[in-house]
Amino acid sequence: MRDLAWGIAATGGIARTVGAVIAAEPGMRVAAVGSRDLGRAAALAAELGAGSAYGSYAELCADPAVDAVYVATPHAQHLAVAEAAIAAGKAVLCEKPLAASLADAECMVRLAREAGVFLMEAMWMRFNPLIRRMAADPRFGEIRSVHASFGFALPFDPAHRLWAPELGGGALLDLGIYPFGLAQLLLGAPSEVRMTGSLAPSGVDAEAGGVLVYPGGRRAIVETSLLAPYPNSAYVVGTGMRADVQAPFWAPSRLVLSGPSMETEVHELDPADNGYAGELREVRDALAEGRTESQVMPLDESLAMMGLLEHARAQLS
């Protein structure tokens, strides 16, 4: 089989990071880079060994040498780039969150399903081996509580993408998706959402925290903020075992398991295996098997997350 040829849509930090993983991964290569700035596209293409650079995302998606497109643009541009890639028959790996709104995400999923084209949200946390180990461990028994936070202090600047509503800014979409996502992975869909928080002068959510309530009294305590530093760690408590996940919990390199009837277990991760390679391999394997959706990060769960984040945002003032 020939190498899976990727097109990288955007040239920011995450595009460079994931592009480097693609270039180093056996059986994959970066074929092209696209940006609204041709010079920046050409510079990243040269860095990653790609043969082509384009000054528009439409040109990137139309390149017949590209098999799959990694969308690393700001959230508000995800739909337009994914739509062009899907129309061209390219598989799409789209950075989290899947879109800037539930409506946009629903449109992306509908287009992909109608076209029979692979689409997946690039939630690297789901592909971290320690997170996957924790989620699959039956010794937890019934998980009763999940606590997770992600926050840092970012000076307000209306031009910064995290403070700009037109770019899909706010704490929830960029940071909060991780604590909410850990709760979703381990507990499923909540029956009730109770949130407090505040808005920035630009109107985006500056911070949010609260409780996700599940049947039987189970709960998740989730916090996110652009105003203050949080522990950025997590712990999970089950009827049979507890897990402490060191910061950053969404990409942990160390997991500690303990319980009343077991010796403490410490699991450590090869720093190179942080989840990026895992999500790329999932795309490769799905295409080889003829699947159009991921079994690890299903589209229905991406849609459920967008709805959950919008519901949480609506409770802030």
C-alpha atoms as a PDB file:
ATOM      1  CA  MET A   1       0.000   0.000   0.000  1.00  0.00           C
ATOM      2  CA  ARG A   2       1.216   3.511  -0.755  1.00  0.00           C
ATOM      3  CA  ASP A   3       1.665   6.076   1.985  1.00  0.00           C
ATOM      4  CA  LEU A   4      -1.422   7.925   3.197  1.00  0.00           C
ATOM      5  CA  ALA A   5      -0.965  11.427   1.788  1.00  0.00           C
ATOM      6  CA  TRP A   6      -2.115  14.263   4.042  1.00  0.00           C
ATOM      7  CA  GLY A   7      -3.002  17.846   3.305  1.00  0.00           C
ATOM      8  CA  ILE A   8      -2.564  20.270   6.203  1.00  0.00           C
ATOM      9  CA  ALA A   9      -5.107  23.092   6.319  1.00  0.00           C
ATOM     10  CA  ALA A  10      -3.511  26.001   8.263  1.00  0.00           C
ATOM     11  CA  THR A  11      -0.014  26.785   9.477  1.00  0.00           C
ATOM     12  CA  GLY A  12      -0.361  27.529  13.206  1.00  0.00           C
ATOM     13  CA  GLY A  13       1.242  25.727  16.122  1.00  0.00           C
ATOM     14  CA  ILE A  14      -1.033  22.687  16.145  1.00  0.00           C
ATOM     15  CA  ALA A  15      -0.717  22.310  12.350  1.00  0.00           C
ATOM     16  CA  ARG A  16       3.069  22.265  12.711  1.00  0.00           C
ATOM     17  CA  THR A  17       2.965  19.808  15.640  1.00  0.00           C
ATOM     18  CA  VAL A  18       0.614  17.309  14.018  1.00  0.00           C
ATOM     19  CA  GLY A  19       2.286  17.757  10.645  1.00  0.00           C
ATOM     20  CA  ALA A  20       5.593  16.710  12.199  1.00  0.00           C
ATOM     21  CA  VAL A  21       3.955  13.582  13.647  1.00  0.00           C
ATOM     22  CA  ILE A  22       2.548  12.728  10.209  1.00  0.00           C
ATOM     23  CA  ALA A  23       5.957  13.183   8.608  1.00  0.00           C
ATOM     24  CA  ALA A  24       7.551  10.866  11.177  1.00  0.00           C
ATOM     25  CA  GLU A  25       4.839   8.190  11.131  1.00  0.00           C
ATOM     26  CA  PRO A  26       5.559   5.105   8.963  1.00  0.00           C
ATOM     27  CA  GLY A  27       3.130   4.806   6.062  1.00  0.00           C
ATOM     28  CA  MET A  28       2.185   8.490   6.066  1.00  0.00           C
ATOM     29  CA  ARG A  29       3.486  11.696   4.563  1.00  0.00           C
ATOM     30  CA  VAL A  30       2.503  15.335   4.232  1.00  0.00           C
ATOM     31  CA  ALA A  31       1.748  15.927   0.546  1.00  0.00           C
ATOM     32  CA  ALA A  32       0.572  19.543   0.704  1.00  0.00           C
ATOM     33  CA  VAL A  33      -0.042  22.501   2.980  1.00  0.00           C
ATOM     34  CA  GLY A  34      -2.749  25.119   2.459  1.00  0.00           C
ATOM     35  CA  SER A  35      -3.196  28.564   3.978  1.00  0.00           C
ATOM     36  CA  ARG A  36      -4.707  31.921   3.097  1.00  0.00           C
ATOM     37  CA  ASP A  37      -1.067  33.085   3.120  1.00  0.00           C
ATOM     38  CA  LEU A  38       0.874  31.269   0.399  1.00  0.00           C
ATOM     39  CA  GLY A  39       4.212  32.243   1.910  1.00  0.00           C
ATOM     40  CA  ARG A  40       3.375  30.630   5.230  1.00  0.00           C
ATOM     41  CA  ALA A  41       2.039  27.536   3.456  1.00  0.00           C
ATOM     42  CA  ALA A  42       5.246  27.229   1.449  1.00  0.00           C
ATOM     43  CA  ALA A  43       7.409  27.609   4.569  1.00  0.00           C
ATOM     44  CA  LEU A  44       5.565  24.856   6.461  1.00  0.00           C
ATOM     45  CA  ALA A  45       5.513  22.627   3.366  1.00  0.00           C
ATOM     46  CA  ALA A  46       9.292  22.898   3.137  1.00  0.00           C
ATOM     47  CA  GLU A  47       9.644  22.151   6.846  1.00  0.00           C
ATOM     48  CA  LEU A  48       7.481  19.014   6.582  1.00  0.00           C
ATOM     49  CA  GLY A  49       8.834  17.778   3.256  1.00  0.00           C
ATOM     50  CA  ALA A  50       5.566  18.390   1.394  1.00  0.00           C
ATOM     51  CA  GLY A  51       5.695  18.771  -2.370  1.00  0.00           C
ATOM     52  CA  SER A  52       2.939  21.368  -2.736  1.00  0.00           C
ATOM     53  CA  ALA A  53       1.784  24.578  -1.076  1.00  0.00           C
ATOM     54  CA  TYR A  54      -1.423  26.478  -1.764  1.00  0.00           C
ATOM     55  CA  GLY A  55      -2.701  29.953  -0.993  1.00  0.00           C
ATOM     56  CA  SER A  56      -6.254  28.742  -0.388  1.00  0.00           C
ATOM     57  CA  TYR A  57      -7.936  25.830   1.344  1.00  0.00           C
ATOM     58  CA  ALA A  58     -10.030  25.127  -1.756  1.00  0.00           C
ATOM     59  CA  GLU A  59      -6.887  24.466  -3.795  1.00  0.00           C
ATOM     60  CA  LEU A  60      -5.525  22.194  -1.080  1.00  0.00           C
ATOM     61  CA  CYS A  61      -8.719  20.137  -0.992  1.00  0.00           C
ATOM     62  CA  ALA A  62      -8.779  19.850  -4.786  1.00  0.00           C
ATOM     63  CA  ASP A  63      -5.239  18.424  -4.990  1.00  0.00           C
ATOM     64  CA  PRO A  64      -5.572  14.873  -6.409  1.00  0.00           C
ATOM     65  CA  ALA A  65      -2.414  13.835  -4.543  1.00  0.00           C
ATOM     66  CA  VAL A  66      -4.113  14.405  -1.154  1.00  0.00           C
ATOM     67  CA  ASP A  67      -5.994  11.509   0.471  1.00  0.00           C
ATOM     68  CA  ALA A  68      -6.930  13.121   3.784  1.00  0.00           C
ATOM     69  CA  VAL A  69      -7.140  16.676   5.087  1.00  0.00           C
ATOM     70  CA  TYR A  70      -6.191  17.686   8.624  1.00  0.00           C
ATOM     71  CA  VAL A  71      -8.175  20.830   9.500  1.00  0.00           C
ATOM     72  CA  ALA A  72      -6.253  23.013  11.950  1.00  0.00           C
ATOM     73  CA  THR A  73      -7.877  26.386  11.272  1.00  0.00           C
ATOM     74  CA  PRO A  74      -9.676  28.467  13.931  1.00  0.00           C
ATOM     75  CA  HIS A  75     -12.972  26.848  14.927  1.00  0.00           C
ATOM     76  CA  ALA A  76     -15.164  29.228  12.935  1.00  0.00           C
ATOM     77  CA  GLN A  77     -13.499  28.069   9.696  1.00  0.00           C
ATOM     78  CA  HIS A  78     -13.863  24.322  10.314  1.00  0.00           C
ATOM     79  CA  LEU A  79     -17.146  23.968   8.454  1.00  0.00           C
ATOM     80  CA  ALA A  80     -16.018  25.707   5.265  1.00  0.00           C
ATOM     81  CA  VAL A  81     -12.754  23.746   5.013  1.00  0.00           C
ATOM     82  CA  ALA A  82     -14.378  20.424   5.876  1.00  0.00           C
ATOM     83  CA  GLU A  83     -17.152  21.067   3.376  1.00  0.00           C
ATOM     84  CA  ALA A  84     -14.596  21.624   0.598  1.00  0.00           C
ATOM     85  CA  ALA A  85     -12.658  18.500   1.571  1.00  0.00           C
ATOM     86  CA  ILE A  86     -15.769  16.326   1.771  1.00  0.00           C
ATOM     87  CA  ALA A  87     -16.967  17.604  -1.615  1.00  0.00           C
ATOM     88  CA  ALA A  88     -13.592  16.552  -3.032  1.00  0.00           C
ATOM     89  CA  GLY A  89     -13.915  13.090  -1.496  1.00  0.00           C
ATOM     90  CA  LYS A  90     -11.098  13.579   1.010  1.00  0.00           C
ATOM     91  CA  ALA A  91     -11.152  12.025   4.458  1.00  0.00           C
ATOM     92  CA  VAL A  92     -11.257  14.719   7.155  1.00  0.00           C
ATOM     93  CA  LEU A  93      -9.577  14.849  10.556  1.00  0.00           C
ATOM     94  CA  CYS A  94     -10.827  18.077  12.137  1.00  0.00           C
ATOM     95  CA  GLU A  95      -9.307  19.661  15.223  1.00  0.00           C
ATOM     96  CA  LYS A  96     -11.460  19.840  18.309  1.00  0.00           C
ATOM     97  CA  PRO A  97     -14.026  21.177  18.759  1.00  0.00           C
ATOM     98  CA  LEU A  98     -15.557  19.762  15.614  1.00  0.00           C
ATOM     99  CA  ALA A  99     -17.050  23.174  14.839  1.00  0.00           C
ATOM    100  CA  ALA A 100     -17.803  26.550  16.368  1.00  0.00           C
ATOM    101  CA  SER A 101     -21.456  25.652  16.945  1.00  0.00           C
ATOM    102  CA  LEU A 102     -23.766  22.654  17.124  1.00  0.00           C
ATOM    103  CA  ALA A 103     -25.464  23.775  13.898  1.00  0.00           C
ATOM    104  CA  ASP A 104     -22.133  23.818  12.049  1.00  0.00           C
ATOM    105  CA  ALA A 105     -21.168  20.439  13.472  1.00  0.00           C
ATOM    106  CA  GLU A 106     -24.497  18.933  12.432  1.00  0.00           C
ATOM    107  CA  CYS A 107     -23.960  20.269   8.920  1.00  0.00           C
ATOM    108  CA  MET A 108     -20.475  18.737   8.732  1.00  0.00           C
ATOM    109  CA  VAL A 109     -21.702  15.347   9.902  1.00  0.00           C
ATOM    110  CA  ARG A 110     -24.648  15.390   7.504  1.00  0.00           C
ATOM    111  CA  LEU A 111     -22.405  16.249   4.556  1.00  0.00           C
ATOM    112  CA  ALA A 112     -19.903  13.509   5.424  1.00  0.00           C
ATOM    113  CA  ARG A 113     -22.565  10.862   5.927  1.00  0.00           C
ATOM    114  CA  GLU A 114     -24.391  11.769   2.729  1.00  0.00           C
ATOM    115  CA  ALA A 115     -21.137  11.624   0.766  1.00  0.00           C
ATOM    116  CA  GLY A 116     -19.875   8.488   2.486  1.00  0.00           C
ATOM    117  CA  VAL A 117     -16.645  10.292   3.414  1.00  0.00           C
ATOM    118  CA  PHE A 118     -14.668   9.724   6.604  1.00  0.00           C
ATOM    119  CA  LEU A 119     -14.904  12.496   9.226  1.00  0.00           C
ATOM    120  CA  MET A 120     -13.525  12.523  12.759  1.00  0.00           C
ATOM    121  CA  GLU A 121     -12.916  15.066  15.486  1.00  0.00           C
ATOM    122  CA  ALA A 122      -9.235  15.173  16.468  1.00  0.00           C
ATOM    123  CA  MET A 123      -9.750  14.680  20.199  1.00  0.00           C
ATOM    124  CA  TRP A 124      -6.239  13.432  21.009  1.00  0.00           C
ATOM    125  CA  MET A 125      -7.181  12.755  24.639  1.00  0.00           C
ATOM    126  CA  ARG A 126      -9.254   9.777  23.500  1.00  0.00           C
ATOM    127  CA  PHE A 127      -6.192   8.262  21.847  1.00  0.00           C
ATOM    128  CA  ASN A 128      -3.791   8.659  24.762  1.00  0.00           C
ATOM    129  CA  PRO A 129      -2.889   5.101  25.876  1.00  0.00           C
ATOM    130  CA  LEU A 130      -3.237   5.935  29.584  1.00  0.00           C
ATOM    131  CA  ILE A 131      -6.696   7.440  29.091  1.00  0.00           C
ATOM    132  CA  ARG A 132      -7.696   4.394  27.045  1.00  0.00           C
ATOM    133  CA  ARG A 133      -6.335   2.076  29.757  1.00  0.00           C
ATOM    134  CA  MET A 134      -8.318   3.902  32.414  1.00  0.00           C
ATOM    135  CA  ALA A 135     -11.560   3.892  30.416  1.00  0.00           C
ATOM    136  CA  ALA A 136     -11.329   0.150  29.788  1.00  0.00           C
ATOM    137  CA  ASP A 137     -10.330  -0.980  33.308  1.00  0.00           C
ATOM    138  CA  PRO A 138     -13.179  -3.010  34.878  1.00  0.00           C
ATOM    139  CA  ARG A 139     -11.692  -2.701  38.369  1.00  0.00           C
ATOM    140  CA  PHE A 140     -13.298   0.722  38.802  1.00  0.00           C
ATOM    141  CA  GLY A 141     -16.634  -0.970  39.282  1.00  0.00           C
ATOM    142  CA  GLU A 142     -19.244   1.749  38.938  1.00  0.00           C
ATOM    143  CA  ILE A 143     -17.664   5.154  38.389  1.00  0.00           C
ATOM    144  CA  ARG A 144     -19.285   7.540  40.850  1.00  0.00           C
ATOM    145  CA  SER A 145     -17.366  10.773  40.365  1.00  0.00           C
ATOM    146  CA  VAL A 146     -15.069  12.522  37.887  1.00  0.00           C
ATOM    147  CA  HIS A 147     -13.211  15.750  38.770  1.00  0.00           C
ATOM    148  CA  ALA A 148     -11.282  17.625  36.078  1.00  0.00           C
ATOM    149  CA  SER A 149     -10.110  21.181  35.435  1.00  0.00           C
ATOM    150  CA  PHE A 150      -8.335  23.114  32.710  1.00  0.00           C
ATOM    151  CA  GLY A 151      -7.598  26.785  33.192  1.00  0.00           C
ATOM    152  CA  PHE A 152      -4.903  29.407  32.834  1.00  0.00           C
ATOM    153  CA  ALA A 153      -4.670  33.185  33.056  1.00  0.00           C
ATOM    154  CA  LEU A 154      -4.670  34.846  29.641  1.00  0.00           C
ATOM    155  CA  PRO A 155      -4.596  38.675  29.561  1.00  0.00           C
ATOM    156  CA  PHE A 156      -7.630  40.009  27.747  1.00  0.00           C
ATOM    157  CA  ASP A 157      -6.918  40.976  24.153  1.00  0.00           C
ATOM    158  CA  PRO A 158      -9.935  41.246  21.847  1.00  0.00           C
ATOM    159  CA  ALA A 159      -7.706  40.377  18.865  1.00  0.00           C
ATOM    160  CA  HIS A 160      -6.564  37.052  20.377  1.00  0.00           C
ATOM    161  CA  ARG A 161      -8.521  34.103  18.997  1.00  0.00           C
ATOM    162  CA  LEU A 162      -9.493  32.860  22.469  1.00  0.00           C
ATOM    163  CA  TRP A 163     -11.161  36.199  23.262  1.00  0.00           C
ATOM    164  CA  ALA A 164     -12.669  36.784  19.788  1.00  0.00           C
ATOM    165  CA  PRO A 165     -16.248  35.565  19.216  1.00  0.00           C
ATOM    166  CA  GLU A 166     -15.841  35.640  15.427  1.00  0.00           C
ATOM    167  CA  LEU A 167     -13.029  33.080  15.748  1.00  0.00           C
ATOM    168  CA  GLY A 168     -14.983  30.783  18.059  1.00  0.00           C
ATOM    169  CA  GLY A 169     -13.247  31.994  21.207  1.00  0.00           C
ATOM    170  CA  GLY A 170     -14.044  31.288  24.831  1.00  0.00           C
ATOM    171  CA  ALA A 171     -12.876  28.902  27.518  1.00  0.00           C
ATOM    172  CA  LEU A 172     -15.446  26.190  26.911  1.00  0.00           C
ATOM    173  CA  LEU A 173     -14.667  25.334  23.285  1.00  0.00           C
ATOM    174  CA  ASP A 174     -10.890  25.358  23.625  1.00  0.00           C
ATOM    175  CA  LEU A 175     -10.281  24.233  27.205  1.00  0.00           C
ATOM    176  CA  GLY A 176     -13.555  23.083  28.702  1.00  0.00           C
ATOM    177  CA  ILE A 177     -14.035  20.434  26.044  1.00  0.00           C
ATOM    178  CA  TYR A 178     -11.352  18.375  27.818  1.00  0.00           C
ATOM    179  CA  PRO A 179     -12.898  18.101  31.314  1.00  0.00           C
ATOM    180  CA  PHE A 180     -16.338  17.772  29.734  1.00  0.00           C
ATOM    181  CA  GLY A 181     -14.871  15.211  27.344  1.00  0.00           C
ATOM    182  CA  LEU A 182     -13.372  13.088  30.124  1.00  0.00           C
ATOM    183  CA  ALA A 183     -16.751  13.024  31.837  1.00  0.00           C
ATOM    184  CA  GLN A 184     -18.419  12.068  28.548  1.00  0.00           C
ATOM    185  CA  LEU A 185     -15.964   9.232  27.973  1.00  0.00           C
ATOM    186  CA  LEU A 186     -16.380   7.754  31.457  1.00  0.00           C
ATOM    187  CA  LEU A 187     -19.973   8.604  32.378  1.00  0.00           C
ATOM    188  CA  GLY A 188     -21.812   9.226  29.112  1.00  0.00           C
ATOM    189  CA  ALA A 189     -24.491  11.885  28.652  1.00  0.00           C
ATOM    190  CA  PRO A 190     -25.579  13.844  31.761  1.00  0.00           C
ATOM    191  CA  SER A 191     -29.211  14.141  32.767  1.00  0.00           C
ATOM    192  CA  GLU A 192     -28.673  17.645  34.129  1.00  0.00           C
ATOM    193  CA  VAL A 193     -26.134  20.456  33.708  1.00  0.00           C
ATOM    194  CA  ARG A 194     -25.592  23.075  36.429  1.00  0.00           C
ATOM    195  CA  MET A 195     -23.093  25.780  35.461  1.00  0.00           C
ATOM    196  CA  THR A 196     -21.902  29.129  36.730  1.00  0.00           C
ATOM    197  CA  GLY A 197     -19.277  31.431  35.282  1.00  0.00           C
ATOM    198  CA  SER A 198     -18.673  34.787  33.648  1.00  0.00           C
ATOM    199  CA  LEU A 199     -18.328  36.424  30.249  1.00  0.00           C
ATOM    200  CA  ALA A 200     -15.486  38.517  28.855  1.00  0.00           C
ATOM    201  CA  PRO A 201     -16.032  42.084  27.568  1.00  0.00           C
ATOM    202  CA  SER A 202     -16.045  40.617  24.038  1.00  0.00           C
ATOM    203  CA  GLY A 203     -18.950  38.363  24.979  1.00  0.00           C
ATOM    204  CA  VAL A 204     -17.157  35.016  24.971  1.00  0.00           C
ATOM    205  CA  ASP A 205     -17.181  32.795  28.049  1.00  0.00           C
ATOM    206  CA  ALA A 206     -14.222  33.654  30.278  1.00  0.00           C
ATOM    207  CA  GLU A 207     -14.770  30.886  32.803  1.00  0.00           C
ATOM    208  CA  ALA A 208     -17.240  28.136  33.601  1.00  0.00           C
ATOM    209  CA  GLY A 209     -17.600  25.552  36.299  1.00  0.00           C
ATOM    210  CA  GLY A 210     -20.196  23.296  37.741  1.00  0.00           C
ATOM    211  CA  VAL A 211     -21.705  19.864  38.001  1.00  0.00           C
ATOM    212  CA  LEU A 212     -22.812  17.381  35.385  1.00  0.00           C
ATOM    213  CA  VAL A 213     -25.419  15.135  36.988  1.00  0.00           C
ATOM    214  CA  TYR A 214     -25.969  11.515  35.976  1.00  0.00           C
ATOM    215  CA  PRO A 215     -28.587   8.921  36.971  1.00  0.00           C
ATOM    216  CA  GLY A 216     -28.147   7.347  40.369  1.00  0.00           C
ATOM    217  CA  GLY A 217     -26.415  10.356  41.896  1.00  0.00           C
ATOM    218  CA  ARG A 218     -23.204  10.031  39.894  1.00  0.00           C
ATOM    219  CA  ARG A 219     -21.520  13.325  39.029  1.00  0.00           C
ATOM    220  CA  ALA A 220     -18.699  15.141  37.274  1.00  0.00           C
ATOM    221  CA  ILE A 221     -17.179  18.347  38.639  1.00  0.00           C
ATOM    222  CA  VAL A 222     -15.765  20.300  35.701  1.00  0.00           C
ATOM    223  CA  GLU A 223     -14.012  23.688  35.599  1.00  0.00           C
ATOM    224  CA  THR A 224     -12.417  25.787  32.885  1.00  0.00           C
ATOM    225  CA  SER A 225     -11.045  29.319  32.827  1.00  0.00           C
ATOM    226  CA  LEU A 226      -9.117  31.920  30.872  1.00  0.00           C
ATOM    227  CA  LEU A 227      -8.867  34.034  34.032  1.00  0.00           C
ATOM    228  CA  ALA A 228      -6.965  31.883  36.531  1.00  0.00           C
ATOM    229  CA  PRO A 229      -4.582  28.914  36.728  1.00  0.00           C
ATOM    230  CA  TYR A 230      -6.198  25.614  37.692  1.00  0.00           C
ATOM    231  CA  PRO A 231      -4.558  22.308  38.675  1.00  0.00           C
ATOM    232  CA  ASN A 232      -5.254  20.908  35.176  1.00  0.00           C
ATOM    233  CA  SER A 233      -5.324  17.445  36.681  1.00  0.00           C
ATOM    234  CA  ALA A 234      -8.137  14.957  37.161  1.00  0.00           C
ATOM    235  CA  TYR A 235      -9.242  12.154  39.414  1.00  0.00           C
ATOM    236  CA  VAL A 236     -11.793   9.430  38.893  1.00  0.00           C
ATOM    237  CA  VAL A 237     -13.495   7.539  41.703  1.00  0.00           C
ATOM    238  CA  GLY A 238     -15.247   4.205  41.290  1.00  0.00           C
ATOM    239  CA  THR A 239     -16.735   1.757  43.738  1.00  0.00           C
ATOM    240  CA  GLY A 240     -13.643  -0.435  43.365  1.00  0.00           C
ATOM    241  CA  MET A 241     -10.773   1.845  42.471  1.00  0.00           C
ATOM    242  CA  ARG A 242      -9.538   5.422  42.139  1.00  0.00           C
ATOM    243  CA  ALA A 243      -7.367   7.017  39.428  1.00  0.00           C
ATOM    244  CA  ASP A 244      -5.258  10.131  39.804  1.00  0.00           C
ATOM    245  CA  VAL A 245      -4.322  11.631  36.442  1.00  0.00           C
ATOM    246  CA  GLN A 246      -1.438  14.090  36.545  1.00  0.00           C
ATOM    247  CA  ALA A 247      -1.460  17.389  34.688  1.00  0.00           C
ATOM    248  CA  PRO A 248      -2.070  17.820  31.887  1.00  0.00           C
ATOM    249  CA  PHE A 249      -4.806  15.237  32.346  1.00  0.00           C
ATOM    250  CA  TRP A 250      -5.834  15.397  28.661  1.00  0.00           C
ATOM    251  CA  ALA A 251      -2.343  14.199  27.652  1.00  0.00           C
ATOM    252  CA  PRO A 252      -1.033  12.412  30.739  1.00  0.00           C
ATOM    253  CA  SER A 253       2.322  10.696  30.969  1.00  0.00           C
ATOM    254  CA  ARG A 254       1.580   9.215  34.409  1.00  0.00           C
ATOM    255  CA  LEU A 255      -1.478   7.481  35.849  1.00  0.00           C
ATOM    256  CA  VAL A 256      -1.789   6.290  39.457  1.00  0.00           C
ATOM    257  CA  LEU A 257      -4.381   3.648  40.331  1.00  0.00           C
ATOM    258  CA  SER A 258      -5.236   2.808  43.932  1.00  0.00           C
ATOM    259  CA  GLY A 259      -7.922   1.131  45.959  1.00  0.00           C
ATOM    260  CA  PRO A 260      -8.644  -0.456  49.336  1.00  0.00           C
ATOM    261  CA  SER A 261      -7.875  -3.985  48.144  1.00  0.00           C
ATOM    262  CA  MET A 262      -4.991  -3.355  45.735  1.00  0.00           C
ATOM    263  CA  GLU A 263      -1.429  -2.167  45.779  1.00  0.00           C
ATOM    264  CA  THR A 264      -0.901   1.249  44.205  1.00  0.00           C
ATOM    265  CA  GLU A 265      -0.116   0.972  40.505  1.00  0.00           C
ATOM    266  CA  VAL A 266       1.828   3.593  38.581  1.00  0.00           C
ATOM    267  CA  HIS A 267       1.583   3.524  34.790  1.00  0.00           C
ATOM    268  CA  GLU A 268       3.847   5.715  32.703  1.00  0.00           C
ATOM    269  CA  LEU A 269       3.768   6.604  29.044  1.00  0.00           C
ATOM    270  CA  ASP A 270       6.401   6.909  26.385  1.00  0.00           C
ATOM    271  CA  PRO A 271       6.439  10.702  25.796  1.00  0.00           C
ATOM    272  CA  ALA A 272       6.261  10.137  22.041  1.00  0.00           C
ATOM    273  CA  ASP A 273       2.958   8.256  22.316  1.00  0.00           C
ATOM    274  CA  ASN A 274       0.776  11.147  23.458  1.00  0.00           C
ATOM    275  CA  GLY A 275      -2.280  10.616  21.266  1.00  0.00           C
ATOM    276  CA  TYR A 276      -1.498  12.475  18.045  1.00  0.00           C
ATOM    277  CA  ALA A 277      -0.123   9.354  16.376  1.00  0.00           C
ATOM    278  CA  GLY A 278      -3.107   7.380  17.640  1.00  0.00           C
ATOM    279  CA  GLU A 279      -5.680   9.605  15.998  1.00  0.00           C
ATOM    280  CA  LEU A 280      -3.740   9.581  12.727  1.00  0.00           C
ATOM    281  CA  ARG A 281      -3.544   5.796  12.792  1.00  0.00           C
ATOM    282  CA  GLU A 282      -7.287   5.646  13.410  1.00  0.00           C
ATOM    283  CA  VAL A 283      -7.870   7.556  10.168  1.00  0.00           C
ATOM    284  CA  ARG A 284      -5.475   5.264   8.289  1.00  0.00           C
ATOM    285  CA  ASP A 285      -7.068   2.098   9.689  1.00  0.00           C
ATOM    286  CA  ALA A 286     -10.615   3.301   9.057  1.00  0.00           C
ATOM    287  CA  LEU A 287      -9.832   4.074   5.431  1.00  0.00           C
ATOM    288  CA  ALA A 288      -8.148   0.695   4.980  1.00  0.00           C
ATOM    289  CA  GLU A 289     -11.227  -1.016   6.436  1.00  0.00           C
ATOM    290  CA  GLY A 290     -13.727   1.068   4.479  1.00  0.00           C
ATOM    291  CA  ARG A 291     -15.166   2.784   7.574  1.00  0.00           C
ATOM    292  CA  THR A 292     -16.448   6.361   7.352  1.00  0.00           C
ATOM    293  CA  GLU A 293     -16.623   6.958  11.112  1.00  0.00           C
ATOM    294  CA  SER A 294     -14.296   6.301  14.026  1.00  0.00           C
ATOM    295  CA  GLN A 295     -15.007   3.683  16.638  1.00  0.00           C
ATOM    296  CA  VAL A 296     -12.902   5.573  19.206  1.00  0.00           C
ATOM    297  CA  MET A 297     -14.291   9.092  18.586  1.00  0.00           C
ATOM    298  CA  PRO A 298     -17.783   8.570  17.085  1.00  0.00           C
ATOM    299  CA  LEU A 299     -19.471  11.476  15.332  1.00  0.00           C
ATOM    300  CA  ASP A 300     -22.592  11.156  17.488  1.00  0.00           C
ATOM    301  CA  GLU A 301     -20.435  11.798  20.560  1.00  0.00           C
ATOM    302  CA  SER A 302     -18.878  14.839  18.905  1.00  0.00           C
ATOM    303  CA  LEU A 303     -22.378  16.185  18.262  1.00  0.00           C
ATOM    304  CA  ALA A 304     -23.438  15.426  21.826  1.00  0.00           C
ATOM    305  CA  MET A 305     -20.403  17.341  23.109  1.00  0.00           C
ATOM    306  CA  MET A 306     -21.216  20.395  20.987  1.00  0.00           C
ATOM    307  CA  GLY A 307     -24.742  20.368  22.377  1.00  0.00           C
ATOM    308  CA  LEU A 308     -23.448  20.006  25.936  1.00  0.00           C
ATOM    309  CA  LEU A 309     -21.003  22.904  25.582  1.00  0.00           C
ATOM    310  CA  GLU A 310     -23.685  25.145  24.094  1.00  0.00           C
ATOM    311  CA  HIS A 311     -26.049  24.248  26.950  1.00  0.00           C
ATOM    312  CA  ALA A 312     -23.331  25.080  29.487  1.00  0.00           C
ATOM    313  CA  ARG A 313     -22.542  28.375  27.749  1.00  0.00           C
ATOM    314  CA  ALA A 314     -26.206  29.397  27.814  1.00  0.00           C
ATOM    315  CA  GLN A 315     -26.191  29.279  31.620  1.00  0.00           C
ATOM    316  CA  LEU A 316     -23.416  31.853  31.982  1.00  0.00           C
ATOM    317  CA  SER A 317     -23.922  35.573  32.489  1.00  0.00           C
END
